[in-house]
PDB file of N, CA and C in Angstrom:
ATOM      1  N   UNK A   1      83.597  80.334  99.690  1.00  0.00           N
ATOM      2  CA  UNK A   1      84.655  80.502  99.328  1.00  0.00           C
ATOM      3  C   UNK A   1      85.618  79.290  98.998  1.00  0.00           C
ATOM      4  N   UNK A   2      86.303  79.075  97.804  1.00  0.00           N
ATOM      5  CA  UNK A   2      86.819  77.816  97.750  1.00  0.00           C
ATOM      6  C   UNK A   2      88.437  77.579  98.412  1.00  0.00           C
ATOM      7  N   UNK A   3      88.696  76.428  98.668  1.00  0.00           N
ATOM      8  CA  UNK A   3      90.109  76.161  99.211  1.00  0.00           C
ATOM      9  C   UNK A   3      91.311  76.734  98.776  1.00  0.00           C
ATOM     10  N   UNK A   4      91.053  76.881  97.388  1.00  0.00           N
ATOM     11  CA  UNK A   4      92.640  77.415  96.681  1.00  0.00           C
ATOM     12  C   UNK A   4      92.373  79.052  97.167  1.00  0.00           C
ATOM     13  N   UNK A   5      91.473  79.615  96.816  1.00  0.00           N
ATOM     14  CA  UNK A   5      91.172  81.300  97.473  1.00  0.00           C
ATOM     15  C   UNK A   5      91.389  81.477  98.620  1.00  0.00           C
ATOM     16  N   UNK A   6      90.863  80.486  99.553  1.00  0.00           N
ATOM     17  CA  UNK A   6      91.147  80.804 101.144  1.00  0.00           C
ATOM     18  C   UNK A   6      92.566  80.646 101.424  1.00  0.00           C
ATOM     19  N   UNK A   7      93.165  79.437 101.103  1.00  0.00           N
ATOM     20  CA  UNK A   7      94.725  79.397 101.248  1.00  0.00           C
ATOM     21  C   UNK A   7      95.461  80.491 100.687  1.00  0.00           C
ATOM     22  N   UNK A   8      95.193  80.899  99.509  1.00  0.00           N
ATOM     23  CA  UNK A   8      96.085  82.156  98.968  1.00  0.00           C
ATOM     24  C   UNK A   8      95.931  83.409  99.870  1.00  0.00           C
ATOM     25  N   UNK A   9      94.699  83.727 100.005  1.00  0.00           N
ATOM     26  CA  UNK A   9      94.469  84.940 100.857  1.00  0.00           C
ATOM     27  C   UNK A   9      95.079  84.588 102.377  1.00  0.00           C
ATOM     28  N   UNK A  10      94.883  83.765 102.809  1.00  0.00           N
ATOM     29  CA  UNK A  10      95.646  83.556 104.212  1.00  0.00           C
ATOM     30  C   UNK A  10      97.024  83.644 104.154  1.00  0.00           C
ATOM     31  N   UNK A  11      97.684  82.993 103.110  1.00  0.00           N
ATOM     32  CA  UNK A  11      99.164  82.946 102.994  1.00  0.00           C
ATOM     33  C   UNK A  11      99.706  84.344 102.610  1.00  0.00           C
ATOM     34  N   UNK A  12      99.040  85.242 101.917  1.00  0.00           N
ATOM     35  CA  UNK A  12      99.388  86.703 101.286  1.00  0.00           C
ATOM     36  C   UNK A  12      99.156  87.590 102.436  1.00  0.00           C
ATOM     37  N   UNK A  13      97.889  87.331 103.041  1.00  0.00           N
ATOM     38  CA  UNK A  13      97.738  88.363 104.138  1.00  0.00           C
ATOM     39  C   UNK A  13      98.867  88.442 105.342  1.00  0.00           C
ATOM     40  N   UNK A  14      99.343  87.058 105.456  1.00  0.00           N
ATOM     41  CA  UNK A  14     100.354  86.545 106.591  1.00  0.00           C
ATOM     42  C   UNK A  14     101.713  87.278 106.402  1.00  0.00           C
ATOM     43  N   UNK A  15     101.978  87.334 105.003  1.00  0.00           N
ATOM     44  CA  UNK A  15     103.140  88.086 104.550  1.00  0.00           C
ATOM     45  C   UNK A  15     102.966  89.571 104.557  1.00  0.00           C
ATOM     46  N   UNK A  16     101.917  90.100 104.181  1.00  0.00           N
ATOM     47  CA  UNK A  16     101.487  91.231 103.777  1.00  0.00           C
ATOM     48  C   UNK A  16     101.819  92.287 104.895  1.00  0.00           C
ATOM     49  N   UNK A  17     102.371  93.765 104.797  1.00  0.00           N
ATOM     50  CA  UNK A  17     102.026  94.772 105.854  1.00  0.00           C
ATOM     51  C   UNK A  17     100.715  95.293 105.694  1.00  0.00           C
ATOM     52  N   UNK A  18     100.118  95.223 104.467  1.00  0.00           N
ATOM     53  CA  UNK A  18      98.899  96.013 104.181  1.00  0.00           C
ATOM     54  C   UNK A  18      97.746  94.667 103.869  1.00  0.00           C
ATOM     55  N   UNK A  19      97.563  93.850 104.746  1.00  0.00           N
ATOM     56  CA  UNK A  19      96.434  92.659 104.522  1.00  0.00           C
ATOM     57  C   UNK A  19      95.301  93.187 103.914  1.00  0.00           C
ATOM     58  N   UNK A  20      94.906  94.511 104.349  1.00  0.00           N
ATOM     59  CA  UNK A  20      93.456  95.011 104.002  1.00  0.00           C
ATOM     60  C   UNK A  20      93.529  95.341 102.436  1.00  0.00           C
ATOM     61  N   UNK A  21      94.726  95.251 101.830  1.00  0.00           N
ATOM     62  CA  UNK A  21      94.771  95.555 100.380  1.00  0.00           C
ATOM     63  C   UNK A  21      94.943  94.285  99.677  1.00  0.00           C
ATOM     64  N   UNK A  22      94.818  93.145 100.078  1.00  0.00           N
ATOM     65  CA  UNK A  22      94.994  91.773  99.407  1.00  0.00           C
ATOM     66  C   UNK A  22      93.449  91.466  98.987  1.00  0.00           C
ATOM     67  N   UNK A  23      93.529  91.476  97.451  1.00  0.00           N
ATOM     68  CA  UNK A  23      92.441  91.115  96.942  1.00  0.00           C
ATOM     69  C   UNK A  23      92.656  89.949  95.947  1.00  0.00           C
ATOM     70  N   UNK A  24      91.936  88.815  96.136  1.00  0.00           N
ATOM     71  CA  UNK A  24      91.795  87.824  95.318  1.00  0.00           C
ATOM     72  C   UNK A  24      90.573  87.531  94.383  1.00  0.00           C
ATOM     73  N   UNK A  25      90.986  87.498  93.039  1.00  0.00           N
ATOM     74  CA  UNK A  25      89.628  87.225  92.334  1.00  0.00           C
ATOM     75  C   UNK A  25      89.856  85.835  91.354  1.00  0.00           C
ATOM     76  N   UNK A  26      88.659  84.957  91.799  1.00  0.00           N
ATOM     77  CA  UNK A  26      88.789  83.508  91.130  1.00  0.00           C
ATOM     78  C   UNK A  26      88.037  83.369  89.858  1.00  0.00           C
ATOM     79  N   UNK A  27      88.637  83.064  88.889  1.00  0.00           N
ATOM     80  CA  UNK A  27      87.629  82.587  87.720  1.00  0.00           C
ATOM     81  C   UNK A  27      87.976  81.237  87.422  1.00  0.00           C
ATOM     82  N   UNK A  28      87.060  80.504  86.792  1.00  0.00           N
ATOM     83  CA  UNK A  28      87.195  79.136  86.184  1.00  0.00           C
ATOM     84  C   UNK A  28      86.627  79.204  84.537  1.00  0.00           C
ATOM     85  N   UNK A  29      87.622  78.527  84.046  1.00  0.00           N
ATOM     86  CA  UNK A  29      87.198  78.222  82.672  1.00  0.00           C
ATOM     87  C   UNK A  29      87.731  76.778  82.365  1.00  0.00           C
ATOM     88  N   UNK A  30      87.981  76.569  80.601  1.00  0.00           N
ATOM     89  CA  UNK A  30      88.008  75.284  80.376  1.00  0.00           C
ATOM     90  C   UNK A  30      89.248  74.772  80.575  1.00  0.00           C
ATOM     91  N   UNK A  31      90.192  75.882  80.957  1.00  0.00           N
ATOM     92  CA  UNK A  31      91.663  75.977  81.277  1.00  0.00           C
ATOM     93  C   UNK A  31      92.111  75.414  82.618  1.00  0.00           C
ATOM     94  N   UNK A  32      91.104  75.911  83.698  1.00  0.00           N
ATOM     95  CA  UNK A  32      91.194  75.379  85.032  1.00  0.00           C
ATOM     96  C   UNK A  32      90.742  76.711  85.715  1.00  0.00           C
ATOM     97  N   UNK A  33      91.328  76.855  86.794  1.00  0.00           N
ATOM     98  CA  UNK A  33      91.077  77.856  88.152  1.00  0.00           C
ATOM     99  C   UNK A  33      92.201  79.009  87.790  1.00  0.00           C
ATOM    100  N   UNK A  34      92.052  80.138  87.680  1.00  0.00           N
ATOM    101  CA  UNK A  34      92.875  81.217  87.645  1.00  0.00           C
ATOM    102  C   UNK A  34      92.596  82.544  88.746  1.00  0.00           C
ATOM    103  N   UNK A  35      93.539  82.267  89.575  1.00  0.00           N
ATOM    104  CA  UNK A  35      93.495  83.289  90.715  1.00  0.00           C
ATOM    105  C   UNK A  35      94.208  84.484  90.370  1.00  0.00           C
ATOM    106  N   UNK A  36      93.867  85.422  90.497  1.00  0.00           N
ATOM    107  CA  UNK A  36      94.284  86.807  90.236  1.00  0.00           C
ATOM    108  C   UNK A  36      94.644  87.576  91.541  1.00  0.00           C
ATOM    109  N   UNK A  37      95.899  87.902  91.842  1.00  0.00           N
ATOM    110  CA  UNK A  37      95.968  88.478  92.964  1.00  0.00           C
ATOM    111  C   UNK A  37      96.501  90.081  92.991  1.00  0.00           C
ATOM    112  N   UNK A  38      95.906  90.855  93.853  1.00  0.00           N
ATOM    113  CA  UNK A  38      96.553  92.137  93.918  1.00  0.00           C
ATOM    114  C   UNK A  38      96.910  92.495  95.365  1.00  0.00           C
ATOM    115  N   UNK A  39      97.890  93.368  95.713  1.00  0.00           N
ATOM    116  CA  UNK A  39      98.367  93.610  96.884  1.00  0.00           C
ATOM    117  C   UNK A  39      98.950  95.130  96.674  1.00  0.00           C
ATOM    118  N   UNK A  40      99.205  95.645  97.943  1.00  0.00           N
ATOM    119  CA  UNK A  40      99.394  96.882  98.040  1.00  0.00           C
ATOM    120  C   UNK A  40     100.910  96.971  97.500  1.00  0.00           C
ATOM    121  N   UNK A  41     101.380  98.206  96.388  1.00  0.00           N
ATOM    122  CA  UNK A  41     102.623  98.304  96.152  1.00  0.00           C
ATOM    123  C   UNK A  41     103.925  97.875  97.017  1.00  0.00           C
ATOM    124  N   UNK A  42     103.638  98.425  98.376  1.00  0.00           N
ATOM    125  CA  UNK A  42     104.749  98.321  99.228  1.00  0.00           C
ATOM    126  C   UNK A  42     104.834  96.607  99.542  1.00  0.00           C
ATOM    127  N   UNK A  43     104.010  95.987  99.429  1.00  0.00           N
ATOM    128  CA  UNK A  43     103.686  94.325  99.544  1.00  0.00           C
ATOM    129  C   UNK A  43     104.524  93.559  98.683  1.00  0.00           C
ATOM    130  N   UNK A  44     104.411  94.112  97.235  1.00  0.00           N
ATOM    131  CA  UNK A  44     104.879  93.326  95.950  1.00  0.00           C
ATOM    132  C   UNK A  44     106.327  92.521  96.166  1.00  0.00           C
ATOM    133  N   UNK A  45     107.196  93.297  96.694  1.00  0.00           N
ATOM    134  CA  UNK A  45     108.317  92.499  96.881  1.00  0.00           C
ATOM    135  C   UNK A  45     108.446  91.167  97.877  1.00  0.00           C
ATOM    136  N   UNK A  46     107.919  91.452  98.909  1.00  0.00           N
ATOM    137  CA  UNK A  46     107.555  90.449  99.877  1.00  0.00           C
ATOM    138  C   UNK A  46     106.806  89.173  99.255  1.00  0.00           C
ATOM    139  N   UNK A  47     105.769  89.450  98.245  1.00  0.00           N
ATOM    140  CA  UNK A  47     105.129  88.411  97.858  1.00  0.00           C
ATOM    141  C   UNK A  47     105.514  87.621  96.805  1.00  0.00           C
ATOM    142  N   UNK A  48     106.532  88.549  95.820  1.00  0.00           N
ATOM    143  CA  UNK A  48     107.393  87.754  94.773  1.00  0.00           C
ATOM    144  C   UNK A  48     108.596  86.932  95.399  1.00  0.00           C
ATOM    145  N   UNK A  49     109.197  87.703  96.561  1.00  0.00           N
ATOM    146  CA  UNK A  49     110.436  87.093  97.153  1.00  0.00           C
ATOM    147  C   UNK A  49     111.607  87.181  96.545  1.00  0.00           C
ATOM    148  N   UNK A  50     112.849  87.034  96.896  1.00  0.00           N
ATOM    149  CA  UNK A  50     114.167  86.942  96.337  1.00  0.00           C
ATOM    150  C   UNK A  50     114.249  86.063  95.070  1.00  0.00           C
ATOM    151  N   UNK A  51     114.252  86.633  93.855  1.00  0.00           N
ATOM    152  CA  UNK A  51     114.350  85.767  92.574  1.00  0.00           C
ATOM    153  C   UNK A  51     112.945  85.171  92.299  1.00  0.00           C
ATOM    154  N   UNK A  52     111.874  85.596  92.985  1.00  0.00           N
ATOM    155  CA  UNK A  52     110.648  84.966  92.675  1.00  0.00           C
ATOM    156  C   UNK A  52     110.461  83.695  93.575  1.00  0.00           C
ATOM    157  N   UNK A  53     111.344  83.250  94.582  1.00  0.00           N
ATOM    158  CA  UNK A  53     111.197  82.184  95.256  1.00  0.00           C
ATOM    159  C   UNK A  53     109.771  82.124  96.099  1.00  0.00           C
ATOM    160  N   UNK A  54     109.721  83.280  96.543  1.00  0.00           N
ATOM    161  CA  UNK A  54     107.935  83.226  97.461  1.00  0.00           C
ATOM    162  C   UNK A  54     107.166  83.018  96.609  1.00  0.00           C
ATOM    163  N   UNK A  55     106.790  83.681  95.298  1.00  0.00           N
ATOM    164  CA  UNK A  55     105.922  83.282  94.359  1.00  0.00           C
ATOM    165  C   UNK A  55     105.741  81.824  93.682  1.00  0.00           C
ATOM    166  N   UNK A  56     106.922  81.455  93.532  1.00  0.00           N
ATOM    167  CA  UNK A  56     107.168  79.941  93.086  1.00  0.00           C
ATOM    168  C   UNK A  56     106.436  78.984  93.912  1.00  0.00           C
ATOM    169  N   UNK A  57     106.805  79.417  95.294  1.00  0.00           N
ATOM    170  CA  UNK A  57     106.363  78.260  96.362  1.00  0.00           C
ATOM    171  C   UNK A  57     104.909  78.299  96.632  1.00  0.00           C
ATOM    172  N   UNK A  58     104.218  79.817  96.627  1.00  0.00           N
ATOM    173  CA  UNK A  58     102.912  79.569  96.649  1.00  0.00           C
ATOM    174  C   UNK A  58     102.339  79.196  95.469  1.00  0.00           C
ATOM    175  N   UNK A  59     102.835  79.108  94.191  1.00  0.00           N
ATOM    176  CA  UNK A  59     102.386  78.561  93.300  1.00  0.00           C
ATOM    177  C   UNK A  59     102.210  77.164  93.246  1.00  0.00           C
ATOM    178  N   UNK A  60     103.323  76.401  93.725  1.00  0.00           N
ATOM    179  CA  UNK A  60     103.478  75.238  93.724  1.00  0.00           C
ATOM    180  C   UNK A  60     102.416  74.482  94.748  1.00  0.00           C
ATOM    181  N   UNK A  61     102.368  75.278  95.848  1.00  0.00           N
ATOM    182  CA  UNK A  61     101.422  74.557  96.765  1.00  0.00           C
ATOM    183  C   UNK A  61     100.060  74.711  96.530  1.00  0.00           C
ATOM    184  N   UNK A  62      99.777  76.060  95.663  1.00  0.00           N
ATOM    185  CA  UNK A  62      98.249  76.028  95.087  1.00  0.00           C
ATOM    186  C   UNK A  62      98.079  75.068  94.095  1.00  0.00           C
ATOM    187  N   UNK A  63      99.345  74.564  93.169  1.00  0.00           N
ATOM    188  CA  UNK A  63      98.950  73.141  92.426  1.00  0.00           C
ATOM    189  C   UNK A  63      98.517  72.161  93.124  1.00  0.00           C
ATOM    190  N   UNK A  64      99.101  71.760  94.383  1.00  0.00           N
ATOM    191  CA  UNK A  64      98.869  70.887  95.255  1.00  0.00           C
ATOM    192  C   UNK A  64      97.224  70.964  95.675  1.00  0.00           C
ATOM    193  N   UNK A  65      96.973  71.988  96.294  1.00  0.00           N
ATOM    194  CA  UNK A  65      95.611  72.216  96.693  1.00  0.00           C
ATOM    195  C   UNK A  65      94.549  71.709  95.606  1.00  0.00           C
ATOM    196  N   UNK A  66      95.228  72.272  94.498  1.00  0.00           N
ATOM    197  CA  UNK A  66      94.092  72.003  92.994  1.00  0.00           C
ATOM    198  C   UNK A  66      94.221  70.555  92.842  1.00  0.00           C
ATOM    199  N   UNK A  67      95.107  69.892  92.983  1.00  0.00           N
ATOM    200  CA  UNK A  67      95.407  68.497  92.612  1.00  0.00           C
ATOM    201  C   UNK A  67      94.178  67.768  93.452  1.00  0.00           C
ATOM    202  N   UNK A  68      94.329  68.019  94.936  1.00  0.00           N
ATOM    203  CA  UNK A  68      93.431  67.535  95.952  1.00  0.00           C
ATOM    204  C   UNK A  68      92.021  67.569  95.385  1.00  0.00           C
ATOM    205  N   UNK A  69      91.718  68.841  94.854  1.00  0.00           N
ATOM    206  CA  UNK A  69      90.326  69.324  94.275  1.00  0.00           C
ATOM    207  C   UNK A  69      90.026  68.846  92.841  1.00  0.00           C
ATOM    208  N   UNK A  70      91.145  68.156  92.269  1.00  0.00           N
ATOM    209  CA  UNK A  70      90.859  67.711  90.804  1.00  0.00           C
ATOM    210  C   UNK A  70      90.883  69.204  90.058  1.00  0.00           C
ATOM    211  N   UNK A  71      91.488  69.889  90.175  1.00  0.00           N
ATOM    212  CA  UNK A  71      91.566  71.243  89.571  1.00  0.00           C
ATOM    213  C   UNK A  71      93.004  71.817  89.111  1.00  0.00           C
ATOM    214  N   UNK A  72      92.965  72.438  87.864  1.00  0.00           N
ATOM    215  CA  UNK A  72      94.305  73.023  87.717  1.00  0.00           C
ATOM    216  C   UNK A  72      94.343  74.476  88.217  1.00  0.00           C
ATOM    217  N   UNK A  73      95.025  74.871  89.125  1.00  0.00           N
ATOM    218  CA  UNK A  73      95.227  76.201  89.594  1.00  0.00           C
ATOM    219  C   UNK A  73      96.389  77.039  88.990  1.00  0.00           C
ATOM    220  N   UNK A  74      95.901  78.088  88.491  1.00  0.00           N
ATOM    221  CA  UNK A  74      97.272  79.177  88.273  1.00  0.00           C
ATOM    222  C   UNK A  74      97.226  80.295  89.088  1.00  0.00           C
ATOM    223  N   UNK A  75      98.211  80.919  89.312  1.00  0.00           N
ATOM    224  CA  UNK A  75      98.244  82.137  89.977  1.00  0.00           C
ATOM    225  C   UNK A  75      98.902  83.290  89.182  1.00  0.00           C
ATOM    226  N   UNK A  76      98.116  84.538  89.028  1.00  0.00           N
ATOM    227  CA  UNK A  76      98.638  85.606  88.147  1.00  0.00           C
ATOM    228  C   UNK A  76      98.659  86.726  89.257  1.00  0.00           C
ATOM    229  N   UNK A  77      99.872  87.533  89.346  1.00  0.00           N
ATOM    230  CA  UNK A  77     100.031  88.425  90.418  1.00  0.00           C
ATOM    231  C   UNK A  77     100.109  89.760  89.490  1.00  0.00           C
ATOM    232  N   UNK A  78      98.967  90.692  89.896  1.00  0.00           N
ATOM    233  CA  UNK A  78      99.069  92.076  89.037  1.00  0.00           C
ATOM    234  C   UNK A  78     100.025  92.867  89.729  1.00  0.00           C
ATOM    235  N   UNK A  79     100.475  93.787  88.620  1.00  0.00           N
ATOM    236  CA  UNK A  79     101.427  94.711  88.988  1.00  0.00           C
ATOM    237  C   UNK A  79     100.542  95.887  89.563  1.00  0.00           C
ATOM    238  N   UNK A  80     100.892  96.558  90.862  1.00  0.00           N
ATOM    239  CA  UNK A  80     100.227  97.414  91.464  1.00  0.00           C
ATOM    240  C   UNK A  80     100.390  98.656  90.872  1.00  0.00           C
ATOM    241  N   UNK A  81      99.007  99.174  91.056  1.00  0.00           N
ATOM    242  CA  UNK A  81      99.187 100.604  90.245  1.00  0.00           C
ATOM    243  C   UNK A  81      99.896 101.718  90.984  1.00  0.00           C
ATOM    244  N   UNK A  82     100.817 102.143  90.421  1.00  0.00           N
ATOM    245  CA  UNK A  82     101.923 103.274  91.042  1.00  0.00           C
ATOM    246  C   UNK A  82     102.845 102.863  91.441  1.00  0.00           C
ATOM    247  N   UNK A  83     103.474 101.239  91.224  1.00  0.00           N
ATOM    248  CA  UNK A  83     104.308 100.892  92.040  1.00  0.00           C
ATOM    249  C   UNK A  83     105.712 101.465  90.998  1.00  0.00           C
ATOM    250  N   UNK A  84     106.851 101.415  91.809  1.00  0.00           N
ATOM    251  CA  UNK A  84     108.135 101.766  91.363  1.00  0.00           C
ATOM    252  C   UNK A  84     109.032 100.750  91.190  1.00  0.00           C
ATOM    253  N   UNK A  85     110.029 100.900  90.097  1.00  0.00           N
ATOM    254  CA  UNK A  85     111.007  99.739  89.926  1.00  0.00           C
ATOM    255  C   UNK A  85     112.223 100.430  89.770  1.00  0.00           C
ATOM    256  N   UNK A  86     113.409  99.714  90.099  1.00  0.00           N
ATOM    257  CA  UNK A  86     114.733 100.260  89.714  1.00  0.00           C
ATOM    258  C   UNK A  86     115.196 100.980  90.676  1.00  0.00           C
ATOM    259  N   UNK A  87     116.588 101.511  90.846  1.00  0.00           N
ATOM    260  CA  UNK A  87     117.447 101.979  91.526  1.00  0.00           C
ATOM    261  C   UNK A  87     116.876 103.386  92.152  1.00  0.00           C
ATOM    262  N   UNK A  88     115.707 104.137  91.580  1.00  0.00           N
ATOM    263  CA  UNK A  88     115.593 105.552  91.998  1.00  0.00           C
ATOM    264  C   UNK A  88     114.515 105.353  92.662  1.00  0.00           C
ATOM    265  N   UNK A  89     114.374 104.275  93.349  1.00  0.00           N
ATOM    266  CA  UNK A  89     112.866 104.126  94.305  1.00  0.00           C
ATOM    267  C   UNK A  89     112.912 104.790  95.623  1.00  0.00           C
ATOM    268  N   UNK A  90     111.681 105.115  95.934  1.00  0.00           N
ATOM    269  CA  UNK A  90     111.590 105.848  97.430  1.00  0.00           C
ATOM    270  C   UNK A  90     111.635 104.737  98.354  1.00  0.00           C
ATOM    271  N   UNK A  91     112.090 105.063  99.545  1.00  0.00           N
ATOM    272  CA  UNK A  91     111.903 103.883 100.696  1.00  0.00           C
ATOM    273  C   UNK A  91     110.470 103.689 100.917  1.00  0.00           C
ATOM    274  N   UNK A  92     110.440 102.006 100.908  1.00  0.00           N
ATOM    275  CA  UNK A  92     109.318 101.305 101.089  1.00  0.00           C
ATOM    276  C   UNK A  92     108.716 100.916  99.916  1.00  0.00           C
ATOM    277  N   UNK A  93     109.487 100.769  98.759  1.00  0.00           N
ATOM    278  CA  UNK A  93     109.254 100.503  97.450  1.00  0.00           C
ATOM    279  C   UNK A  93     109.695  98.787  97.427  1.00  0.00           C
ATOM    280  N   UNK A  94     110.196  98.712  96.650  1.00  0.00           N
ATOM    281  CA  UNK A  94     110.750  97.121  96.175  1.00  0.00           C
ATOM    282  C   UNK A  94     112.115  97.231  96.741  1.00  0.00           C
ATOM    283  N   UNK A  95     112.320  95.914  97.451  1.00  0.00           N
ATOM    284  CA  UNK A  95     114.027  96.113  98.065  1.00  0.00           C
ATOM    285  C   UNK A  95     114.872  95.614  96.708  1.00  0.00           C
ATOM    286  N   UNK A  96     115.933  96.199  96.760  1.00  0.00           N
ATOM    287  CA  UNK A  96     116.890  95.788  95.654  1.00  0.00           C
ATOM    288  C   UNK A  96     117.111  94.316  95.497  1.00  0.00           C
ATOM    289  N   UNK A  97     116.873  93.529  96.607  1.00  0.00           N
ATOM    290  CA  UNK A  97     117.028  92.190  96.449  1.00  0.00           C
ATOM    291  C   UNK A  97     115.869  91.586  95.809  1.00  0.00           C
ATOM    292  N   UNK A  98     114.780  92.187  95.697  1.00  0.00           N
ATOM    293  CA  UNK A  98     113.632  91.564  95.134  1.00  0.00           C
ATOM    294  C   UNK A  98     113.371  92.063  94.107  1.00  0.00           C
ATOM    295  N   UNK A  99     114.111  92.129  92.829  1.00  0.00           N
ATOM    296  CA  UNK A  99     113.936  92.611  91.474  1.00  0.00           C
ATOM    297  C   UNK A  99     112.724  92.197  90.793  1.00  0.00           C
ATOM    298  N   UNK A 100     112.092  92.912  89.938  1.00  0.00           N
ATOM    299  CA  UNK A 100     111.497  92.210  88.974  1.00  0.00           C
ATOM    300  C   UNK A 100     112.330  91.675  87.719  1.00  0.00           C
ATOM    301  N   UNK A 101     111.526  90.843  86.852  1.00  0.00           N
ATOM    302  CA  UNK A 101     112.128  90.199  85.959  1.00  0.00           C
ATOM    303  C   UNK A 101     112.920  91.460  85.030  1.00  0.00           C
ATOM    304  N   UNK A 102     111.867  92.429  84.709  1.00  0.00           N
ATOM    305  CA  UNK A 102     112.126  93.788  83.764  1.00  0.00           C
ATOM    306  C   UNK A 102     113.768  94.386  84.634  1.00  0.00           C
ATOM    307  N   UNK A 103     113.468  94.426  85.841  1.00  0.00           N
ATOM    308  CA  UNK A 103     114.910  95.079  86.360  1.00  0.00           C
ATOM    309  C   UNK A 103     115.999  93.953  85.960  1.00  0.00           C
ATOM    310  N   UNK A 104     115.841  92.750  86.046  1.00  0.00           N
ATOM    311  CA  UNK A 104     117.047  91.946  86.020  1.00  0.00           C
ATOM    312  C   UNK A 104     117.512  91.975  84.588  1.00  0.00           C
ATOM    313  N   UNK A 105     116.497  91.885  83.688  1.00  0.00           N
ATOM    314  CA  UNK A 105     117.098  92.163  82.103  1.00  0.00           C
ATOM    315  C   UNK A 105     117.667  93.587  82.016  1.00  0.00           C
ATOM    316  N   UNK A 106     117.145  94.752  82.548  1.00  0.00           N
ATOM    317  CA  UNK A 106     117.677  95.943  82.684  1.00  0.00           C
ATOM    318  C   UNK A 106     119.108  95.851  83.030  1.00  0.00           C
ATOM    319  N   UNK A 107     119.326  95.100  84.271  1.00  0.00           N
ATOM    320  CA  UNK A 107     120.878  95.172  84.743  1.00  0.00           C
ATOM    321  C   UNK A 107     121.794  94.265  83.651  1.00  0.00           C
ATOM    322  N   UNK A 108     121.040  93.224  83.154  1.00  0.00           N
ATOM    323  CA  UNK A 108     122.019  92.481  82.315  1.00  0.00           C
ATOM    324  C   UNK A 108     122.414  93.154  80.999  1.00  0.00           C
ATOM    325  N   UNK A 109     121.357  94.250  80.552  1.00  0.00           N
ATOM    326  CA  UNK A 109     121.848  94.984  79.337  1.00  0.00           C
ATOM    327  C   UNK A 109     122.751  96.298  79.669  1.00  0.00           C
ATOM    328  N   UNK A 110     122.638  96.217  81.035  1.00  0.00           N
ATOM    329  CA  UNK A 110     123.793  97.425  81.589  1.00  0.00           C
ATOM    330  C   UNK A 110     122.909  98.793  81.535  1.00  0.00           C
ATOM    331  N   UNK A 111     121.456  98.740  81.552  1.00  0.00           N
ATOM    332  CA  UNK A 111     120.480  99.849  81.592  1.00  0.00           C
ATOM    333  C   UNK A 111     120.414 100.457  83.000  1.00  0.00           C
ATOM    334  N   UNK A 112     120.347 101.651  83.523  1.00  0.00           N
ATOM    335  CA  UNK A 112     119.740 102.295  84.561  1.00  0.00           C
ATOM    336  C   UNK A 112     118.831 102.984  84.784  1.00  0.00           C
TER     337      UNK A 112
END
């Protein structure tokens, strides 16, 4: 397993309540390395973080790991199957402070 994939799995499993559901797929093409992350739907808010801060920090460190190995590393976080968004969510779903981009745009437009 490559260092970037090992790093990502370690960090995300440390944050997740369901580490057994953390999956990382690594693909390499002419654009560089793409790490595709999937997590349990209840962990999505923790991995994204408030205003995307956690995901942004993970991406930044992945780029540094990539530079050390002379590779461009990008992270794609997959939307979990059955995830729910918005105010009518069941407990255990996204925290209101960890809204997705779609939720923020809907709020700005006044949609509920």
